């Protein structure tokens, strides 16, 4: 074990501890004075410089983010327009195909049937209908047609 002079003399350890704590105290006072002098002289200029640099960086960041958002919105609009065109053309193709198949499958001459004016507008007329054999049949057919259309629409 290494023996030092400090181990043999307890007074010197206390004096060294007191001297060290005093030196720390004096160093902190010196740091406070230097800081105070720096704040009085140079800190204002340094603070203004930091604010200017922060403003420049902030404006660049806002410009960058704004450009990115504008680009994203533009891309989204383009994708939306393309999607809409694709859906429209697909639906048109499907409708044309359905019409073509219907024309091939259905007979060439279908019996002519004309809806009564009340059914063409979608509302039944409130006019009273004279009851004859013929008008009774037409009214029953029209009622059945409307009911069938409503059922098909619900389904």
Protein backbone atom coordinates (compact mmCIF):
# COMPACT_ATOMS: atom_id res chain seq x y z
CA UNK A 1 0.00 0.00 0.00
CA UNK A 2 1.26 3.44 -0.92
CA UNK A 3 1.59 5.84 1.98
CA UNK A 4 1.44 9.58 1.40
CA UNK A 5 2.13 12.52 3.61
CA UNK A 6 -1.57 13.41 3.56
CA UNK A 7 -2.48 10.17 5.25
CA UNK A 8 -0.20 10.99 8.14
CA UNK A 9 -1.33 14.58 8.64
CA UNK A 10 -5.12 15.11 9.02
CA UNK A 11 -4.83 18.90 9.15
CA UNK A 12 -3.49 19.06 5.61
CA UNK A 13 -6.53 17.11 4.23
CA UNK A 14 -8.94 19.62 5.76
CA UNK A 15 -6.93 22.54 4.46
CA UNK A 16 -6.86 21.02 0.94
CA UNK A 17 -10.63 20.48 1.01
CA UNK A 18 -11.25 24.03 2.14
CA UNK A 19 -8.86 25.37 -0.49
CA UNK A 20 -10.59 23.34 -3.22
CA UNK A 21 -14.06 24.50 -2.24
CA UNK A 22 -12.81 28.09 -2.08
CA UNK A 23 -11.31 27.76 -5.55
CA UNK A 24 -14.65 26.44 -6.87
CA UNK A 25 -16.45 29.38 -5.31
CA UNK A 26 -13.98 31.86 -6.81
CA UNK A 27 -14.24 30.16 -10.25
CA UNK A 28 -18.05 30.44 -10.20
CA UNK A 29 -17.82 34.13 -9.25
CA UNK A 30 -15.37 34.67 -12.10
CA UNK A 31 -17.74 32.88 -14.51
CA UNK A 32 -20.61 35.10 -13.37
CA UNK A 33 -18.57 38.26 -13.95
CA UNK A 34 -17.38 37.12 -17.39
CA UNK A 35 -20.97 36.20 -18.33
CA UNK A 36 -22.26 39.57 -17.10
CA UNK A 37 -19.64 41.39 -19.15
CA UNK A 38 -20.41 39.25 -22.20
CA UNK A 39 -24.15 39.92 -21.87
CA UNK A 40 -23.52 43.67 -21.61
CA UNK A 41 -21.18 43.80 -24.58
CA UNK A 42 -21.53 40.98 -27.09
CA UNK A 43 -24.67 39.05 -26.20
CA UNK A 44 -27.06 41.51 -27.83
CA UNK A 45 -25.27 41.26 -31.16
CA UNK A 46 -25.05 37.48 -30.84
CA UNK A 47 -28.77 37.25 -30.00
CA UNK A 48 -29.73 39.37 -33.02
CA UNK A 49 -27.51 37.22 -35.25
CA UNK A 50 -29.17 34.06 -33.95
CA UNK A 51 -32.64 35.55 -34.58
CA UNK A 52 -31.66 36.44 -38.17
CA UNK A 53 -30.31 32.93 -38.80
CA UNK A 54 -33.45 31.41 -37.30
CA UNK A 55 -35.64 33.58 -39.54
CA UNK A 56 -33.75 32.47 -42.64
CA UNK A 57 -34.00 28.79 -41.69
CA UNK A 58 -37.69 29.16 -40.84
CA UNK A 59 -38.53 30.80 -44.20
CA UNK A 60 -36.65 28.05 -46.06
CA UNK A 61 -38.52 25.38 -44.11
CA UNK A 62 -41.90 27.01 -44.76
CA UNK A 63 -41.09 27.36 -48.46
CA UNK A 64 -39.97 23.72 -48.63
CA UNK A 65 -43.05 22.42 -46.81
CA UNK A 66 -45.34 24.67 -48.87
CA UNK A 67 -43.83 23.40 -52.12
CA UNK A 68 -44.24 19.81 -50.95
CA UNK A 69 -47.88 20.39 -49.98
CA UNK A 70 -48.60 22.12 -53.29
CA UNK A 71 -46.98 19.24 -55.17
CA UNK A 72 -48.94 16.68 -53.15
CA UNK A 73 -52.24 18.45 -53.81
CA UNK A 74 -51.41 18.69 -57.52
CA UNK A 75 -50.57 14.97 -57.68
CA UNK A 76 -53.76 14.10 -55.77
CA UNK A 77 -55.85 16.15 -58.23
CA UNK A 78 -54.19 14.45 -61.19
CA UNK A 79 -54.79 10.99 -59.71
CA UNK A 80 -58.42 11.91 -58.98
CA UNK A 81 -59.00 13.09 -62.57
CA UNK A 82 -57.39 9.96 -64.02
CA UNK A 83 -59.44 7.74 -61.71
CA UNK A 84 -62.63 9.52 -62.70
CA UNK A 85 -61.84 9.11 -66.41
CA UNK A 86 -61.08 5.42 -65.88
CA UNK A 87 -64.32 4.83 -63.98
CA UNK A 88 -66.35 6.72 -66.59
CA UNK A 89 -64.83 4.76 -69.47
CA UNK A 90 -65.26 1.46 -67.64
CA UNK A 91 -68.92 2.17 -66.91
CA UNK A 92 -69.46 3.25 -70.53
CA UNK A 93 -67.85 0.05 -71.78
CA UNK A 94 -69.99 -2.04 -69.43
CA UNK A 95 -73.15 -0.22 -70.54
CA UNK A 96 -72.24 -0.61 -74.23
CA UNK A 97 -71.55 -4.30 -73.67
CA UNK A 98 -74.88 -4.74 -71.87
CA UNK A 99 -76.73 -2.95 -74.67
CA UNK A 100 -74.96 -5.08 -77.29
CA UNK A 101 -75.83 -8.31 -75.47
CA UNK A 102 -79.42 -7.16 -75.00
CA UNK A 103 -79.70 -6.35 -78.71
CA UNK A 104 -78.38 -9.80 -79.61
CA UNK A 105 -80.55 -11.69 -77.13
CA UNK A 106 -83.82 -9.79 -77.39
CA UNK A 107 -86.03 -10.21 -80.42
CA UNK A 108 -85.57 -7.66 -83.20
CA UNK A 109 -89.11 -6.38 -83.04
CA UNK A 110 -90.58 -5.80 -79.65
CA UNK A 111 -94.21 -4.85 -79.28
CA UNK A 112 -94.67 -1.12 -78.98
CA UNK A 113 -95.76 -0.04 -75.55
CA UNK A 114 -96.27 3.53 -74.54
CA UNK A 115 -96.50 4.54 -70.93
CA UNK A 116 -99.38 6.71 -69.90
CA UNK A 117 -98.42 10.36 -69.38
CA UNK A 118 -98.89 10.04 -65.61
CA UNK A 119 -96.20 7.35 -65.48
CA UNK A 120 -93.77 9.22 -67.70
CA UNK A 121 -93.39 11.95 -65.07
CA UNK A 122 -93.04 9.40 -62.29
CA UNK A 123 -96.19 10.51 -60.46
CA UNK A 124 -99.67 9.22 -60.89
CA UNK A 125 -102.12 11.79 -62.11
CA UNK A 126 -104.78 12.89 -59.68
CA UNK A 127 -107.43 13.00 -62.40
CA UNK A 128 -110.30 10.59 -61.99
CA UNK A 129 -110.38 7.89 -64.65
CA UNK A 130 -113.65 6.79 -66.20
CA UNK A 131 -114.20 3.16 -65.57
CA UNK A 132 -114.52 1.26 -68.75
CA UNK A 133 -113.28 -2.18 -69.48
CA UNK A 134 -110.33 -0.86 -71.43
CA UNK A 135 -109.23 1.89 -69.00
CA UNK A 136 -109.52 -0.49 -66.08
CA UNK A 137 -107.05 -2.85 -67.75
CA UNK A 138 -104.61 -0.05 -68.57
CA UNK A 139 -104.80 1.33 -65.04
CA UNK A 140 -104.17 -2.10 -63.52
CA UNK A 141 -101.21 -2.64 -65.86
CA UNK A 142 -99.81 0.82 -65.04
CA UNK A 143 -100.16 0.17 -61.32
CA UNK A 144 -98.37 -3.17 -61.68
CA UNK A 145 -95.62 -1.50 -63.73
CA UNK A 146 -95.08 1.19 -61.09
CA UNK A 147 -95.00 -1.37 -58.27
CA UNK A 148 -92.54 -3.55 -60.20
CA UNK A 149 -90.31 -0.54 -60.87
CA UNK A 150 -90.36 0.42 -57.20
CA UNK A 151 -89.44 -3.12 -56.12
CA UNK A 152 -86.60 -3.23 -58.63
CA UNK A 153 -85.35 0.16 -57.44
CA UNK A 154 -85.32 -1.00 -53.79
CA UNK A 155 -83.43 -4.18 -54.70
